[in-house]
C-alpha atoms as a PDB file:
ATOM      1  CA  UNK A   1      49.881  85.192-153.666  1.00  0.00           C
ATOM      2  CA  UNK A   2      51.330  85.885-150.221  1.00  0.00           C
ATOM      3  CA  UNK A   3      50.282  83.721-147.308  1.00  0.00           C
ATOM      4  CA  UNK A   4      49.051  85.973-144.500  1.00  0.00           C
ATOM      5  CA  UNK A   5      48.826  83.293-141.839  1.00  0.00           C
ATOM      6  CA  UNK A   6      51.814  81.851-140.025  1.00  0.00           C
ATOM      7  CA  UNK A   7      52.530  78.207-140.750  1.00  0.00           C
ATOM      8  CA  UNK A   8      55.507  77.810-138.384  1.00  0.00           C
ATOM      9  CA  UNK A   9      54.952  74.953-135.929  1.00  0.00           C
ATOM     10  CA  UNK A  10      58.398  74.599-134.424  1.00  0.00           C
ATOM     11  CA  UNK A  11      61.360  72.764-135.862  1.00  0.00           C
ATOM     12  CA  UNK A  12      63.620  69.859-134.954  1.00  0.00           C
ATOM     13  CA  UNK A  13      65.066  71.781-131.947  1.00  0.00           C
ATOM     14  CA  UNK A  14      62.040  73.802-130.837  1.00  0.00           C
ATOM     15  CA  UNK A  15      59.439  71.106-130.271  1.00  0.00           C
ATOM     16  CA  UNK A  16      57.462  72.296-127.232  1.00  0.00           C
ATOM     17  CA  UNK A  17      54.604  74.716-127.760  1.00  0.00           C
ATOM     18  CA  UNK A  18      54.965  77.400-125.063  1.00  0.00           C
ATOM     19  CA  UNK A  19      52.579  79.974-126.512  1.00  0.00           C
ATOM     20  CA  UNK A  20      51.428  82.191-123.668  1.00  0.00           C
ATOM     21  CA  UNK A  21      54.029  81.110-121.121  1.00  0.00           C
ATOM     22  CA  UNK A  22      57.724  81.628-121.813  1.00  0.00           C
ATOM     23  CA  UNK A  23      60.230  82.170-119.006  1.00  0.00           C
ATOM     24  CA  UNK A  24      63.771  83.480-118.700  1.00  0.00           C
ATOM     25  CA  UNK A  25      66.120  80.796-119.933  1.00  0.00           C
ATOM     26  CA  UNK A  26      63.774  79.469-122.618  1.00  0.00           C
ATOM     27  CA  UNK A  27      65.382  79.101-126.038  1.00  0.00           C
ATOM     28  CA  UNK A  28      62.518  79.959-128.357  1.00  0.00           C
ATOM     29  CA  UNK A  29      61.565  80.181-132.005  1.00  0.00           C
ATOM     30  CA  UNK A  30      58.564  82.056-133.359  1.00  0.00           C
ATOM     31  CA  UNK A  31      57.411  83.655-136.549  1.00  0.00           C
ATOM     32  CA  UNK A  32      56.593  87.351-136.833  1.00  0.00           C
ATOM     33  CA  UNK A  33      55.163  89.428-139.635  1.00  0.00           C
ATOM     34  CA  UNK A  34      57.463  91.691-141.667  1.00  0.00           C
ATOM     35  CA  UNK A  35      56.351  94.825-143.455  1.00  0.00           C
ATOM     36  CA  UNK A  36      57.872  97.085-146.091  1.00  0.00           C
ATOM     37  CA  UNK A  37      57.095 100.660-147.003  1.00  0.00           C
ATOM     38  CA  UNK A  38      56.375 103.528-144.702  1.00  0.00           C
ATOM     39  CA  UNK A  39      54.613 103.276-141.362  1.00  0.00           C
ATOM     40  CA  UNK A  40      51.490 104.848-142.862  1.00  0.00           C
ATOM     41  CA  UNK A  41      51.499 102.714-146.014  1.00  0.00           C
ATOM     42  CA  UNK A  42      52.981  99.471-144.786  1.00  0.00           C
ATOM     43  CA  UNK A  43      52.752  96.412-147.012  1.00  0.00           C
ATOM     44  CA  UNK A  44      52.860  92.875-145.662  1.00  0.00           C
ATOM     45  CA  UNK A  45      56.143  91.265-146.778  1.00  0.00           C
ATOM     46  CA  UNK A  46      55.780  87.796-145.281  1.00  0.00           C
ATOM     47  CA  UNK A  47      56.976  86.164-142.114  1.00  0.00           C
ATOM     48  CA  UNK A  48      60.414  85.729-140.590  1.00  0.00           C
ATOM     49  CA  UNK A  49      61.434  83.113-138.051  1.00  0.00           C
ATOM     50  CA  UNK A  50      63.084  84.600-134.960  1.00  0.00           C
ATOM     51  CA  UNK A  51      65.283  82.360-132.805  1.00  0.00           C
ATOM     52  CA  UNK A  52      66.770  83.393-129.483  1.00  0.00           C
ATOM     53  CA  UNK A  53      66.959  82.991-125.731  1.00  0.00           C
ATOM     54  CA  UNK A  54      64.746  84.852-123.270  1.00  0.00           C
ATOM     55  CA  UNK A  55      67.245  86.691-121.040  1.00  0.00           C
ATOM     56  CA  UNK A  56      64.907  89.105-119.197  1.00  0.00           C
ATOM     57  CA  UNK A  57      61.253  89.942-118.721  1.00  0.00           C
ATOM     58  CA  UNK A  58      59.288  92.693-117.017  1.00  0.00           C
ATOM     59  CA  UNK A  59      55.743  93.836-116.396  1.00  0.00           C
ATOM     60  CA  UNK A  60      54.781  97.412-117.246  1.00  0.00           C
ATOM     61  CA  UNK A  61      53.425  99.131-114.145  1.00  0.00           C
ATOM     62  CA  UNK A  62      50.580 100.988-115.853  1.00  0.00           C
ATOM     63  CA  UNK A  63      49.088  98.488-118.270  1.00  0.00           C
ATOM     64  CA  UNK A  64      50.635  95.179-117.182  1.00  0.00           C
ATOM     65  CA  UNK A  65      52.219  94.666-120.571  1.00  0.00           C
ATOM     66  CA  UNK A  66      54.722  91.855-120.405  1.00  0.00           C
ATOM     67  CA  UNK A  67      57.958  92.677-122.230  1.00  0.00           C
ATOM     68  CA  UNK A  68      60.701  90.168-123.012  1.00  0.00           C
ATOM     69  CA  UNK A  69      64.342  90.703-123.952  1.00  0.00           C
ATOM     70  CA  UNK A  70      65.730  88.114-126.361  1.00  0.00           C
ATOM     71  CA  UNK A  71      69.346  87.390-127.174  1.00  0.00           C
ATOM     72  CA  UNK A  72      69.281  86.400-130.836  1.00  0.00           C
ATOM     73  CA  UNK A  73      71.575  83.840-132.442  1.00  0.00           C
ATOM     74  CA  UNK A  74      73.614  86.626-134.096  1.00  0.00           C
ATOM     75  CA  UNK A  75      74.373  88.161-130.665  1.00  0.00           C
ATOM     76  CA  UNK A  76      71.988  91.107-130.976  1.00  0.00           C
ATOM     77  CA  UNK A  77      69.201  91.795-128.490  1.00  0.00           C
ATOM     78  CA  UNK A  78      65.593  92.748-129.103  1.00  0.00           C
ATOM     79  CA  UNK A  79      62.715  93.672-126.833  1.00  0.00           C
ATOM     80  CA  UNK A  80      59.280  92.375-127.720  1.00  0.00           C
ATOM     81  CA  UNK A  81      55.874  92.634-126.100  1.00  0.00           C
ATOM     82  CA  UNK A  82      54.340  89.357-124.983  1.00  0.00           C
ATOM     83  CA  UNK A  83      51.304  89.874-127.216  1.00  0.00           C
ATOM     84  CA  UNK A  84      53.653  90.039-130.222  1.00  0.00           C
ATOM     85  CA  UNK A  85      55.845  87.145-129.086  1.00  0.00           C
ATOM     86  CA  UNK A  86      52.802  84.902-128.701  1.00  0.00           C
ATOM     87  CA  UNK A  87      50.828  86.178-131.716  1.00  0.00           C
ATOM     88  CA  UNK A  88      51.645  83.336-134.125  1.00  0.00           C
ATOM     89  CA  UNK A  89      52.706  80.635-131.680  1.00  0.00           C
ATOM     90  CA  UNK A  90      55.940  80.231-129.752  1.00  0.00           C
ATOM     91  CA  UNK A  91      58.010  77.067-129.574  1.00  0.00           C
ATOM     92  CA  UNK A  92      60.860  76.231-127.197  1.00  0.00           C
ATOM     93  CA  UNK A  93      63.611  73.728-126.684  1.00  0.00           C
ATOM     94  CA  UNK A  94      63.430  71.286-123.804  1.00  0.00           C
ATOM     95  CA  UNK A  95      65.485  72.240-120.764  1.00  0.00           C
ATOM     96  CA  UNK A  96      68.091  69.804-119.449  1.00  0.00           C
ATOM     97  CA  UNK A  97      66.138  69.877-116.181  1.00  0.00           C
ATOM     98  CA  UNK A  98      62.463  70.747-116.716  1.00  0.00           C
ATOM     99  CA  UNK A  99      62.062  71.119-112.929  1.00  0.00           C
ATOM    100  CA  UNK A 100      64.285  74.225-113.148  1.00  0.00           C
ATOM    101  CA  UNK A 101      61.910  75.632-115.751  1.00  0.00           C
ATOM    102  CA  UNK A 102      58.907  74.944-113.546  1.00  0.00           C
ATOM    103  CA  UNK A 103      60.612  76.896-110.749  1.00  0.00           C
ATOM    104  CA  UNK A 104      61.288  79.802-113.121  1.00  0.00           C
ATOM    105  CA  UNK A 105      57.643  79.754-114.256  1.00  0.00           C
ATOM    106  CA  UNK A 106      56.382  79.757-110.668  1.00  0.00           C
ATOM    107  CA  UNK A 107      58.574  82.768-109.874  1.00  0.00           C
ATOM    108  CA  UNK A 108      57.392  84.604-113.014  1.00  0.00           C
ATOM    109  CA  UNK A 109      53.743  83.919-112.241  1.00  0.00           C
ATOM    110  CA  UNK A 110      54.184  85.197-108.679  1.00  0.00           C
ATOM    111  CA  UNK A 111      55.665  88.464-110.022  1.00  0.00           C
ATOM    112  CA  UNK A 112      52.767  88.798-112.453  1.00  0.00           C
ATOM    113  CA  UNK A 113      50.212  88.211-109.690  1.00  0.00           C
ATOM    114  CA  UNK A 114      51.916  90.843-107.518  1.00  0.00           C
ATOM    115  CA  UNK A 115      52.035  93.350-110.380  1.00  0.00           C
ATOM    116  CA  UNK A 116      48.330  92.844-111.120  1.00  0.00           C
ATOM    117  CA  UNK A 117      47.461  93.241-107.432  1.00  0.00           C
ATOM    118  CA  UNK A 118      49.508  96.471-107.239  1.00  0.00           C
ATOM    119  CA  UNK A 119      47.732  97.839-110.293  1.00  0.00           C
ATOM    120  CA  UNK A 120      44.308  96.916-108.926  1.00  0.00           C
ATOM    121  CA  UNK A 121      45.164  98.651-105.638  1.00  0.00           C
ATOM    122  CA  UNK A 122      46.348 101.803-107.468  1.00  0.00           C
ATOM    123  CA  UNK A 123      43.187 101.860-109.564  1.00  0.00           C
ATOM    124  CA  UNK A 124      40.910 101.098-106.607  1.00  0.00           C
ATOM    125  CA  UNK A 125      39.678  97.844-108.137  1.00  0.00           C
ATOM    126  CA  UNK A 126      38.591  95.096-105.761  1.00  0.00           C
ATOM    127  CA  UNK A 127      40.020  91.698-106.542  1.00  0.00           C
END
């Protein structure tokens, strides 16, 4: 019987739960679902642990979808939507200086606020 719920809760290096709020520079680990078969007849094949460093992030102009670029341990890069990165929990390593991380988070949140305000203005939504 295949377990269909993630059980990953970090490891000896990735001890801080950062689900919902990763920033550039975070070295993260998370578990994502794998599937086999065709797109139309996909079969759940278990989970894989992904480990990498967040090297870039952006907000989509239309739908405000947060996308992250990760540099994986094997040197390859992947892009992943925030909703998928956070889906099963995300864990990070501690920074040498956590104050630097707080500054990075403040900057990221300011960009997100500005992007949401721009979208609301384009759509004619009052804040």
